[in-house]
Structures are given as C-alpha cells and as structure tokens.
Amino acid sequence: MDEQELGAALREHAYLEGEFVLRSGRRSRYYLDKYRFETRPDLLGPLGELLAETVSALEPEAVRLAGPELGAVALAASASLASGLPFLIVRKEAKGHGTANRLEGVFEEGELVCIVEDVVTSGGAAVEAVEALREAGLRVATAVCVVDREEGGTDALARIGVRLRPLFRASDVLGVAKSAAKPHG
C-alpha cells in the first residue's frame, strides 16, 4: 500500500462527521478515530512500516521508540516490529501497584527516544509524554504522528524543542477524501 492509498484508507475507515469534543477540549465537526485504523491489521502494518521509515530518516540515532498510552501503543508496537527498535509505553500517570512506573519498558538514562503518536491536535498528550521521558533522563527531539490536525501541536512541541513530523496532515487526508470521492470516467 503506497502513501496515497494509505491516506485514502485512513479517510475511508477513520473519518467521522458530527459534533465531537477533542482531548484538548476543543469542539470539532469531524473526528479521526485512531482506533478505527489502529485495530485493523491491514492499516496498522503499513502505518508501522511508514512510521519506522520516517523515524529512521529523521532520527537515525534513536535507540528506542515511545508511545503514549493508550492510543499510540499499538502504533509504537507496529513501528517497533518494523524497525527492530524496542519501545516504551508512556503512562498518563504512574500506577499505584506493581512497579508503579510511569514508563513501561527497559531503557538507559541518556538514550535518544523518538515519540510515536496517533492524531495530534494541540499537542498536549505528546508534550506530557516528552516531559515524562525527559524526567526519566531520556533525550527527545522528534515526534512522528500519523495525522496532524494542524491545530497547534507542531508549535506546542517546538516550544519544548521537539519537531513534529506527521505522516499525513488533516488537510491531506480530507483532500484525499475529496479526490477519492469523485466519480471516474
């Protein structure tokens, strides 16, 4: 599946219209439901491969991936399988039982980690993940997401020294929808 086909598949399977409240608290007339593409092996596999290629190109010195719970964990696992890089799960908060870790997985202080995200709007979840990783002594300079909704996430991450590289921008995915919906012939 090439990038154009993958973008069209994201639109076909994950794009919803209606009234939605996003994690950021903003309201939107559309929603890109990450679980509709993360739970489909036919989309998760190609996304993992494209994420792995993008991480390799942008952050070749990265030794580990990191996926914020819950949404990005499947993507981080898929990209891990495609790249051979181990990954961490970044919890929203440390659990009060078991190891009580905020970061799940093995790592060494000072390692360079690349964040894998699903859909970025304001960048809040990604910023929180970067902060948790840095508090643990890890270095983070790049985040790769499947879709950037183009609503401030790039700027929010830039303010903390992290560049965001989307596989797709919302305008691209929505544009794919318009071109894919046109009748042929």
N, C-alpha and C. Protein backbone atom coordinates (compact mmCIF):
# COMPACT_ATOMS: atom_id res chain seq x y z
N MET A 1 0.86 -1.18 0.00
CA MET A 1 0.00 0.00 0.00
C MET A 1 0.90 1.24 0.00
N ASP A 2 0.75 2.12 -1.00
CA ASP A 2 1.57 3.33 -1.03
C ASP A 2 0.95 4.41 -0.14
N GLU A 3 1.65 5.54 0.00
CA GLU A 3 1.18 6.59 0.91
C GLU A 3 -0.18 7.15 0.51
N GLN A 4 -0.40 7.33 -0.77
CA GLN A 4 -1.68 7.87 -1.22
C GLN A 4 -2.82 6.90 -0.88
N GLU A 5 -2.59 5.62 -1.10
CA GLU A 5 -3.61 4.62 -0.77
C GLU A 5 -3.83 4.55 0.74
N LEU A 6 -2.75 4.70 1.49
CA LEU A 6 -2.87 4.67 2.95
C LEU A 6 -3.67 5.88 3.44
N GLY A 7 -3.39 7.05 2.87
CA GLY A 7 -4.17 8.25 3.23
C GLY A 7 -5.64 8.08 2.91
N ALA A 8 -5.93 7.50 1.74
CA ALA A 8 -7.32 7.27 1.36
C ALA A 8 -7.98 6.27 2.31
N ALA A 9 -7.23 5.26 2.73
CA ALA A 9 -7.77 4.25 3.66
C ALA A 9 -8.03 4.87 5.03
N LEU A 10 -7.15 5.77 5.47
CA LEU A 10 -7.39 6.46 6.75
C LEU A 10 -8.70 7.23 6.68
N ARG A 11 -8.88 7.94 5.60
CA ARG A 11 -10.10 8.73 5.42
C ARG A 11 -11.33 7.82 5.40
N GLU A 12 -11.23 6.75 4.63
CA GLU A 12 -12.36 5.84 4.48
C GLU A 12 -12.75 5.19 5.81
N HIS A 13 -11.78 4.78 6.59
CA HIS A 13 -12.07 3.99 7.79
C HIS A 13 -12.12 4.78 9.09
N ALA A 14 -11.49 5.98 9.14
CA ALA A 14 -11.39 6.67 10.42
C ALA A 14 -12.08 8.03 10.47
N TYR A 15 -12.46 8.57 9.34
CA TYR A 15 -13.05 9.91 9.31
C TYR A 15 -14.54 9.85 9.65
N LEU A 16 -14.92 10.63 10.66
CA LEU A 16 -16.31 10.70 11.10
C LEU A 16 -16.75 12.15 11.11
N GLU A 17 -17.99 12.41 10.74
CA GLU A 17 -18.55 13.75 10.82
C GLU A 17 -19.61 13.79 11.90
N GLY A 18 -19.74 14.94 12.54
CA GLY A 18 -20.70 15.12 13.62
C GLY A 18 -20.21 16.20 14.55
N GLU A 19 -20.61 16.11 15.79
CA GLU A 19 -20.16 17.05 16.82
C GLU A 19 -19.30 16.27 17.81
N PHE A 20 -18.03 16.67 17.93
CA PHE A 20 -17.09 15.94 18.78
C PHE A 20 -16.35 16.90 19.69
N VAL A 21 -16.05 16.44 20.90
CA VAL A 21 -15.18 17.16 21.81
C VAL A 21 -13.86 16.41 21.80
N LEU A 22 -12.78 17.11 21.49
CA LEU A 22 -11.46 16.51 21.40
C LEU A 22 -10.79 16.50 22.76
N ARG A 23 -9.70 15.74 22.89
CA ARG A 23 -8.96 15.67 24.15
C ARG A 23 -8.57 17.06 24.65
N SER A 24 -8.27 17.94 23.72
CA SER A 24 -7.86 19.31 24.05
C SER A 24 -9.01 20.13 24.61
N GLY A 25 -10.24 19.61 24.52
CA GLY A 25 -11.42 20.35 24.96
C GLY A 25 -12.08 21.11 23.83
N ARG A 26 -11.39 21.20 22.70
CA ARG A 26 -11.95 21.88 21.55
C ARG A 26 -13.08 21.06 20.95
N ARG A 27 -13.98 21.76 20.29
CA ARG A 27 -15.08 21.10 19.57
C ARG A 27 -14.70 21.02 18.10
N SER A 28 -15.16 19.96 17.46
CA SER A 28 -14.86 19.77 16.05
C SER A 28 -16.05 19.15 15.33
N ARG A 29 -16.18 19.48 14.07
CA ARG A 29 -17.25 18.89 13.25
C ARG A 29 -16.79 17.58 12.63
N TYR A 30 -15.49 17.25 12.79
CA TYR A 30 -15.01 15.96 12.29
C TYR A 30 -14.06 15.33 13.31
N TYR A 31 -13.91 14.04 13.19
CA TYR A 31 -13.07 13.28 14.11
C TYR A 31 -12.34 12.21 13.31
N LEU A 32 -11.06 12.06 13.59
CA LEU A 32 -10.28 10.96 13.00
C LEU A 32 -10.11 9.93 14.11
N ASP A 33 -10.90 8.88 14.05
CA ASP A 33 -10.93 7.88 15.11
C ASP A 33 -9.75 6.92 14.97
N LYS A 34 -8.73 7.14 15.79
CA LYS A 34 -7.50 6.36 15.72
C LYS A 34 -7.74 4.87 15.90
N TYR A 35 -8.73 4.53 16.69
CA TYR A 35 -8.97 3.11 16.93
C TYR A 35 -9.51 2.41 15.69
N ARG A 36 -10.07 3.16 14.78
CA ARG A 36 -10.58 2.57 13.53
C ARG A 36 -9.45 2.25 12.56
N PHE A 37 -8.26 2.84 12.77
CA PHE A 37 -7.14 2.42 11.93
C PHE A 37 -6.11 1.61 12.71
N GLU A 38 -6.05 1.78 14.02
CA GLU A 38 -5.07 1.04 14.81
C GLU A 38 -5.48 -0.41 15.07
N THR A 39 -6.75 -0.70 14.95
CA THR A 39 -7.24 -2.05 15.23
C THR A 39 -7.39 -2.90 13.98
N ARG A 40 -6.99 -2.36 12.85
CA ARG A 40 -7.08 -3.08 11.56
C ARG A 40 -5.67 -3.47 11.13
N PRO A 41 -5.35 -4.74 11.11
CA PRO A 41 -4.00 -5.16 10.69
C PRO A 41 -3.61 -4.66 9.31
N ASP A 42 -4.59 -4.56 8.40
CA ASP A 42 -4.28 -4.11 7.04
C ASP A 42 -3.86 -2.64 7.00
N LEU A 43 -4.18 -1.86 8.03
CA LEU A 43 -3.74 -0.47 8.13
C LEU A 43 -2.60 -0.31 9.15
N LEU A 44 -2.69 -1.04 10.26
CA LEU A 44 -1.67 -0.93 11.30
C LEU A 44 -0.29 -1.36 10.78
N GLY A 45 -0.24 -2.42 10.01
CA GLY A 45 1.04 -2.89 9.47
C GLY A 45 1.72 -1.85 8.59
N PRO A 46 1.02 -1.36 7.54
CA PRO A 46 1.64 -0.33 6.70
C PRO A 46 1.97 0.96 7.47
N LEU A 47 1.13 1.34 8.42
CA LEU A 47 1.43 2.53 9.23
C LEU A 47 2.71 2.31 10.04
N GLY A 48 2.86 1.12 10.63
CA GLY A 48 4.06 0.81 11.40
C GLY A 48 5.31 0.88 10.53
N GLU A 49 5.20 0.37 9.30
CA GLU A 49 6.34 0.42 8.38
C GLU A 49 6.69 1.85 8.01
N LEU A 50 5.67 2.67 7.73
CA LEU A 50 5.92 4.07 7.36
C LEU A 50 6.45 4.87 8.54
N LEU A 51 5.94 4.59 9.73
CA LEU A 51 6.47 5.25 10.93
C LEU A 51 7.94 4.87 11.13
N ALA A 52 8.25 3.58 10.98
CA ALA A 52 9.64 3.11 11.15
C ALA A 52 10.56 3.78 10.14
N GLU A 53 10.13 3.87 8.88
CA GLU A 53 10.94 4.53 7.85
C GLU A 53 11.16 6.00 8.18
N THR A 54 10.12 6.65 8.66
CA THR A 54 10.20 8.08 8.98
C THR A 54 11.12 8.32 10.16
N VAL A 55 11.01 7.49 11.19
CA VAL A 55 11.91 7.61 12.35
C VAL A 55 13.35 7.40 11.90
N SER A 56 13.60 6.40 11.10
CA SER A 56 14.95 6.10 10.62
C SER A 56 15.53 7.29 9.84
N ALA A 57 14.70 7.93 9.03
CA ALA A 57 15.15 9.06 8.23
C ALA A 57 15.39 10.32 9.06
N LEU A 58 14.49 10.59 10.02
CA LEU A 58 14.57 11.82 10.79
C LEU A 58 15.44 11.73 12.03
N GLU A 59 15.47 10.56 12.64
CA GLU A 59 16.17 10.39 13.93
C GLU A 59 16.96 9.10 13.89
N PRO A 60 17.96 9.01 12.98
CA PRO A 60 18.69 7.74 12.80
C PRO A 60 19.45 7.28 14.03
N GLU A 61 19.72 8.18 14.96
CA GLU A 61 20.45 7.81 16.18
C GLU A 61 19.52 7.32 17.30
N ALA A 62 18.21 7.37 17.07
CA ALA A 62 17.26 6.90 18.10
C ALA A 62 17.48 5.42 18.36
N VAL A 63 17.46 5.06 19.62
CA VAL A 63 17.64 3.66 20.01
C VAL A 63 16.35 3.05 20.57
N ARG A 64 15.32 3.87 20.64
CA ARG A 64 14.07 3.42 21.25
C ARG A 64 12.93 4.31 20.76
N LEU A 65 11.74 3.73 20.69
CA LEU A 65 10.53 4.47 20.40
C LEU A 65 9.75 4.62 21.70
N ALA A 66 8.81 5.55 21.71
CA ALA A 66 7.94 5.71 22.88
C ALA A 66 6.54 6.05 22.41
N GLY A 67 5.55 5.36 22.95
CA GLY A 67 4.17 5.61 22.60
C GLY A 67 3.35 5.95 23.82
N PRO A 68 2.72 7.13 23.84
CA PRO A 68 1.83 7.47 24.96
C PRO A 68 0.62 6.54 24.99
N GLU A 69 0.22 6.13 26.21
CA GLU A 69 -0.97 5.29 26.33
C GLU A 69 -2.21 6.11 26.03
N LEU A 70 -3.21 5.55 25.65
CA LEU A 70 -3.46 4.24 25.13
C LEU A 70 -3.35 4.24 23.62
N GLY A 71 -3.68 5.38 23.06
CA GLY A 71 -3.81 5.46 21.62
C GLY A 71 -2.59 5.11 20.80
N ALA A 72 -1.41 5.46 21.25
CA ALA A 72 -0.22 5.26 20.41
C ALA A 72 0.50 3.95 20.68
N VAL A 73 0.05 3.15 21.62
CA VAL A 73 0.76 1.92 21.97
C VAL A 73 0.78 0.93 20.81
N ALA A 74 -0.35 0.73 20.16
CA ALA A 74 -0.37 -0.21 19.03
C ALA A 74 0.52 0.28 17.90
N LEU A 75 0.53 1.59 17.66
CA LEU A 75 1.39 2.16 16.62
C LEU A 75 2.86 1.98 16.96
N ALA A 76 3.21 2.24 18.23
CA ALA A 76 4.61 2.08 18.67
C ALA A 76 5.03 0.62 18.54
N ALA A 77 4.14 -0.30 18.88
CA ALA A 77 4.46 -1.73 18.76
C ALA A 77 4.65 -2.11 17.29
N SER A 78 3.79 -1.61 16.41
CA SER A 78 3.92 -1.91 14.99
C SER A 78 5.21 -1.32 14.42
N ALA A 79 5.53 -0.08 14.79
CA ALA A 79 6.77 0.55 14.32
C ALA A 79 7.99 -0.15 14.90
N SER A 80 7.87 -0.65 16.12
CA SER A 80 8.95 -1.41 16.76
C SER A 80 9.22 -2.69 15.98
N LEU A 81 8.18 -3.40 15.63
CA LEU A 81 8.33 -4.63 14.85
C LEU A 81 8.97 -4.35 13.49
N ALA A 82 8.57 -3.25 12.86
CA ALA A 82 9.09 -2.90 11.53
C ALA A 82 10.53 -2.41 11.59
N SER A 83 10.90 -1.73 12.67
CA SER A 83 12.23 -1.11 12.76
C SER A 83 13.25 -1.94 13.53
N GLY A 84 12.75 -2.82 14.41
CA GLY A 84 13.65 -3.55 15.29
C GLY A 84 14.03 -2.75 16.53
N LEU A 85 13.52 -1.52 16.66
CA LEU A 85 13.80 -0.71 17.84
C LEU A 85 12.83 -1.08 18.96
N PRO A 86 13.32 -1.27 20.17
CA PRO A 86 12.40 -1.51 21.28
C PRO A 86 11.59 -0.25 21.57
N PHE A 87 10.51 -0.40 22.31
CA PHE A 87 9.69 0.78 22.62
C PHE A 87 9.29 0.83 24.08
N LEU A 88 8.94 2.04 24.48
CA LEU A 88 8.43 2.30 25.82
C LEU A 88 6.97 2.71 25.72
N ILE A 89 6.23 2.39 26.75
CA ILE A 89 4.87 2.89 26.89
C ILE A 89 4.92 3.99 27.93
N VAL A 90 4.39 5.16 27.56
CA VAL A 90 4.38 6.29 28.48
C VAL A 90 2.98 6.38 29.08
N ARG A 91 2.89 6.06 30.36
CA ARG A 91 1.59 6.14 31.04
C ARG A 91 1.22 7.60 31.32
N LYS A 92 -0.08 7.85 31.42
CA LYS A 92 -0.53 9.20 31.77
C LYS A 92 -0.08 9.55 33.18
N GLU A 93 -0.06 8.53 34.03
CA GLU A 93 0.43 8.70 35.40
C GLU A 93 0.89 7.34 35.90
N ALA A 94 1.77 7.36 36.87
CA ALA A 94 2.28 6.10 37.43
C ALA A 94 1.13 5.38 38.14
N LYS A 95 1.10 4.08 38.00
CA LYS A 95 0.09 3.27 38.69
C LYS A 95 0.50 3.08 40.14
N GLY A 96 -0.47 2.85 40.99
CA GLY A 96 -0.20 2.67 42.40
C GLY A 96 0.08 1.22 42.77
N HIS A 97 0.29 0.36 41.79
CA HIS A 97 0.53 -1.05 42.07
C HIS A 97 1.65 -1.56 41.17
N GLY A 98 2.06 -2.80 41.36
CA GLY A 98 3.12 -3.39 40.56
C GLY A 98 4.41 -2.59 40.71
N THR A 99 5.03 -2.25 39.60
CA THR A 99 6.29 -1.50 39.64
C THR A 99 6.07 0.00 39.84
N ALA A 100 4.83 0.46 39.71
CA ALA A 100 4.46 1.87 39.87
C ALA A 100 5.25 2.77 38.93
N ASN A 101 5.57 2.27 37.74
CA ASN A 101 6.33 3.05 36.76
C ASN A 101 5.41 3.93 35.91
N ARG A 102 5.93 5.07 35.54
CA ARG A 102 5.23 5.91 34.54
C ARG A 102 5.67 5.48 33.15
N LEU A 103 6.91 5.00 33.01
CA LEU A 103 7.42 4.48 31.75
C LEU A 103 7.52 2.97 31.86
N GLU A 104 6.91 2.27 30.93
CA GLU A 104 6.96 0.81 30.93
C GLU A 104 7.91 0.34 29.83
N GLY A 105 8.84 -0.49 30.21
CA GLY A 105 9.86 -0.99 29.29
C GLY A 105 11.24 -0.68 29.87
N VAL A 106 12.25 -1.26 29.25
CA VAL A 106 13.61 -1.11 29.75
C VAL A 106 14.31 -0.01 28.96
N PHE A 107 15.08 0.83 29.66
CA PHE A 107 15.83 1.89 29.00
C PHE A 107 17.02 2.28 29.86
N GLU A 108 17.94 2.99 29.23
CA GLU A 108 19.11 3.52 29.92
C GLU A 108 19.05 5.05 29.87
N GLU A 109 19.37 5.69 30.97
CA GLU A 109 19.39 7.15 31.01
C GLU A 109 20.30 7.67 29.89
N GLY A 110 19.87 8.75 29.26
CA GLY A 110 20.65 9.38 28.20
C GLY A 110 20.33 8.89 26.80
N GLU A 111 19.53 7.84 26.67
CA GLU A 111 19.20 7.33 25.34
C GLU A 111 18.33 8.34 24.57
N LEU A 112 18.49 8.32 23.25
CA LEU A 112 17.66 9.14 22.37
C LEU A 112 16.43 8.34 21.98
N VAL A 113 15.27 8.91 22.25
CA VAL A 113 13.99 8.26 22.03
C VAL A 113 13.17 9.09 21.04
N CYS A 114 12.44 8.44 20.17
CA CYS A 114 11.53 9.12 19.25
C CYS A 114 10.10 8.76 19.63
N ILE A 115 9.28 9.78 19.80
CA ILE A 115 7.88 9.54 20.16
C ILE A 115 7.07 9.19 18.91
N VAL A 116 6.19 8.23 19.07
CA VAL A 116 5.24 7.84 18.03
C VAL A 116 3.86 8.22 18.56
N GLU A 117 3.12 8.99 17.79
CA GLU A 117 1.79 9.44 18.20
C GLU A 117 0.77 9.08 17.14
N ASP A 118 -0.50 9.14 17.52
CA ASP A 118 -1.58 8.84 16.60
C ASP A 118 -2.06 10.11 15.92
N VAL A 119 -3.03 10.79 16.49
CA VAL A 119 -3.57 12.03 15.94
C VAL A 119 -3.20 13.16 16.89
N VAL A 120 -2.52 14.18 16.37
CA VAL A 120 -2.10 15.32 17.19
C VAL A 120 -2.98 16.51 16.86
N THR A 121 -3.55 17.11 17.90
CA THR A 121 -4.36 18.32 17.73
C THR A 121 -3.58 19.48 18.33
N SER A 122 -3.70 19.69 19.64
CA SER A 122 -2.98 20.77 20.31
C SER A 122 -1.59 20.33 20.76
N GLY A 123 -1.34 19.02 20.74
CA GLY A 123 -0.04 18.51 21.16
C GLY A 123 0.07 18.21 22.65
N GLY A 124 -1.00 18.38 23.40
CA GLY A 124 -0.96 18.20 24.85
C GLY A 124 -0.45 16.86 25.31
N ALA A 125 -0.96 15.78 24.74
CA ALA A 125 -0.53 14.43 25.16
C ALA A 125 0.93 14.20 24.81
N ALA A 126 1.35 14.67 23.64
CA ALA A 126 2.75 14.49 23.22
C ALA A 126 3.68 15.29 24.12
N VAL A 127 3.30 16.51 24.46
CA VAL A 127 4.11 17.34 25.36
C VAL A 127 4.25 16.66 26.72
N GLU A 128 3.15 16.12 27.25
CA GLU A 128 3.21 15.42 28.54
C GLU A 128 4.12 14.20 28.45
N ALA A 129 4.08 13.48 27.34
CA ALA A 129 4.95 12.31 27.16
C ALA A 129 6.41 12.74 27.11
N VAL A 130 6.71 13.81 26.39
CA VAL A 130 8.09 14.32 26.33
C VAL A 130 8.58 14.66 27.73
N GLU A 131 7.75 15.34 28.50
CA GLU A 131 8.13 15.73 29.86
C GLU A 131 8.43 14.50 30.71
N ALA A 132 7.60 13.47 30.62
CA ALA A 132 7.83 12.24 31.39
C ALA A 132 9.13 11.56 30.97
N LEU A 133 9.38 11.51 29.68
CA LEU A 133 10.61 10.88 29.17
C LEU A 133 11.84 11.65 29.63
N ARG A 134 11.77 12.96 29.53
CA ARG A 134 12.91 13.79 29.95
C ARG A 134 13.13 13.71 31.46
N GLU A 135 12.07 13.65 32.23
CA GLU A 135 12.22 13.50 33.69
C GLU A 135 12.94 12.20 34.04
N ALA A 136 12.80 11.20 33.18
CA ALA A 136 13.46 9.91 33.40
C ALA A 136 14.90 9.90 32.85
N GLY A 137 15.33 11.04 32.31
CA GLY A 137 16.70 11.14 31.82
C GLY A 137 16.89 10.76 30.36
N LEU A 138 15.81 10.65 29.63
CA LEU A 138 15.90 10.31 28.21
C LEU A 138 15.91 11.60 27.38
N ARG A 139 16.48 11.50 26.20
CA ARG A 139 16.53 12.64 25.27
C ARG A 139 15.44 12.46 24.22
N VAL A 140 14.73 13.54 23.93
CA VAL A 140 13.66 13.52 22.93
C VAL A 140 13.78 14.79 22.09
N ALA A 141 13.89 14.62 20.77
CA ALA A 141 13.96 15.77 19.87
C ALA A 141 12.94 15.68 18.74
N THR A 142 12.34 14.49 18.56
CA THR A 142 11.43 14.28 17.43
C THR A 142 10.22 13.46 17.85
N ALA A 143 9.08 13.85 17.31
CA ALA A 143 7.85 13.07 17.45
C ALA A 143 7.30 12.85 16.04
N VAL A 144 6.86 11.64 15.78
CA VAL A 144 6.26 11.30 14.49
C VAL A 144 4.82 10.89 14.77
N CYS A 145 3.89 11.48 14.04
CA CYS A 145 2.48 11.13 14.25
C CYS A 145 1.86 10.67 12.94
N VAL A 146 0.75 9.97 13.05
CA VAL A 146 0.04 9.53 11.85
C VAL A 146 -0.65 10.73 11.21
N VAL A 147 -1.41 11.49 11.99
CA VAL A 147 -2.12 12.66 11.44
C VAL A 147 -1.94 13.87 12.36
N ASP A 148 -1.57 14.98 11.75
CA ASP A 148 -1.53 16.27 12.44
C ASP A 148 -2.79 17.02 12.02
N ARG A 149 -3.64 17.34 12.99
CA ARG A 149 -4.87 18.07 12.69
C ARG A 149 -4.60 19.53 12.36
N GLU A 150 -3.33 19.95 12.50
CA GLU A 150 -2.92 21.31 12.15
C GLU A 150 -3.64 22.35 13.02
N GLU A 151 -3.68 22.06 14.32
CA GLU A 151 -4.36 22.96 15.26
C GLU A 151 -3.46 23.33 16.43
N GLY A 152 -2.15 23.46 16.17
CA GLY A 152 -1.25 23.96 17.20
C GLY A 152 -0.27 22.96 17.77
N GLY A 153 -0.39 21.69 17.45
CA GLY A 153 0.50 20.67 18.00
C GLY A 153 1.95 20.88 17.61
N THR A 154 2.19 21.25 16.36
CA THR A 154 3.56 21.48 15.90
C THR A 154 4.21 22.59 16.72
N ASP A 155 3.49 23.67 16.94
CA ASP A 155 4.03 24.80 17.71
C ASP A 155 4.24 24.44 19.17
N ALA A 156 3.30 23.72 19.76
CA ALA A 156 3.42 23.33 21.17
C ALA A 156 4.67 22.47 21.39
N LEU A 157 4.93 21.55 20.48
CA LEU A 157 6.12 20.71 20.60
C LEU A 157 7.39 21.51 20.31
N ALA A 158 7.33 22.41 19.34
CA ALA A 158 8.51 23.24 19.03
C ALA A 158 8.92 24.07 20.24
N ARG A 159 7.95 24.52 21.02
CA ARG A 159 8.26 25.33 22.21
C ARG A 159 9.08 24.56 23.24
N ILE A 160 9.03 23.22 23.20
CA ILE A 160 9.84 22.44 24.13
C ILE A 160 10.99 21.73 23.40
N GLY A 161 11.30 22.21 22.21
CA GLY A 161 12.45 21.69 21.48
C GLY A 161 12.25 20.36 20.78
N VAL A 162 11.01 20.06 20.40
CA VAL A 162 10.71 18.80 19.71
C VAL A 162 10.05 19.13 18.38
N ARG A 163 10.56 18.53 17.30
CA ARG A 163 9.93 18.72 15.99
C ARG A 163 8.90 17.62 15.77
N LEU A 164 7.78 18.00 15.20
CA LEU A 164 6.72 17.05 14.89
C LEU A 164 6.73 16.80 13.39
N ARG A 165 6.76 15.53 13.03
CA ARG A 165 6.70 15.14 11.61
C ARG A 165 5.49 14.24 11.43
N PRO A 166 4.44 14.76 10.79
CA PRO A 166 3.27 13.92 10.53
C PRO A 166 3.45 13.07 9.27
N LEU A 167 2.90 11.88 9.28
CA LEU A 167 2.81 11.10 8.04
C LEU A 167 1.80 11.76 7.11
N PHE A 168 0.73 12.29 7.73
CA PHE A 168 -0.33 12.97 6.99
C PHE A 168 -0.78 14.18 7.78
N ARG A 169 -1.20 15.20 7.07
CA ARG A 169 -1.86 16.35 7.70
C ARG A 169 -3.36 16.18 7.47
N ALA A 170 -4.16 16.73 8.38
CA ALA A 170 -5.61 16.60 8.22
C ALA A 170 -6.06 17.12 6.87
N SER A 171 -5.47 18.23 6.42
CA SER A 171 -5.86 18.78 5.12
C SER A 171 -5.56 17.80 3.99
N ASP A 172 -4.47 17.01 4.14
CA ASP A 172 -4.15 15.99 3.13
C ASP A 172 -5.18 14.87 3.15
N VAL A 173 -5.51 14.40 4.34
CA VAL A 173 -6.47 13.30 4.47
C VAL A 173 -7.84 13.74 3.96
N LEU A 174 -8.23 14.96 4.31
CA LEU A 174 -9.52 15.46 3.84
C LEU A 174 -9.48 15.70 2.35
N GLY A 175 -8.34 16.13 1.83
CA GLY A 175 -8.17 16.31 0.39
C GLY A 175 -8.25 14.99 -0.35
N VAL A 176 -7.68 13.94 0.25
CA VAL A 176 -7.75 12.60 -0.33
C VAL A 176 -9.22 12.20 -0.45
N ALA A 177 -9.99 12.57 0.57
CA ALA A 177 -11.40 12.21 0.55
C ALA A 177 -12.11 12.83 -0.63
N LYS A 178 -11.82 14.10 -0.89
CA LYS A 178 -12.48 14.78 -1.99
C LYS A 178 -12.09 14.16 -3.33
N SER A 179 -10.79 13.90 -3.51
CA SER A 179 -10.37 13.34 -4.79
C SER A 179 -10.81 11.88 -4.93
N ALA A 180 -10.81 11.15 -3.82
CA ALA A 180 -11.21 9.74 -3.87
C ALA A 180 -12.72 9.61 -4.11
N ALA A 181 -13.49 10.63 -3.70
CA ALA A 181 -14.93 10.55 -3.82
C ALA A 181 -15.44 10.95 -5.20
N LYS A 182 -14.57 11.56 -6.01
CA LYS A 182 -15.01 11.98 -7.34
C LYS A 182 -15.25 10.76 -8.22
N PRO A 183 -16.33 10.77 -9.00
CA PRO A 183 -16.57 9.63 -9.90
C PRO A 183 -15.52 9.62 -11.02
N HIS A 184 -15.16 8.44 -11.44
CA HIS A 184 -14.19 8.29 -12.51
C HIS A 184 -14.92 8.17 -13.83
N GLY A 185 -14.26 8.65 -14.89
CA GLY A 185 -14.79 8.41 -16.22
C GLY A 185 -15.41 9.61 -16.76
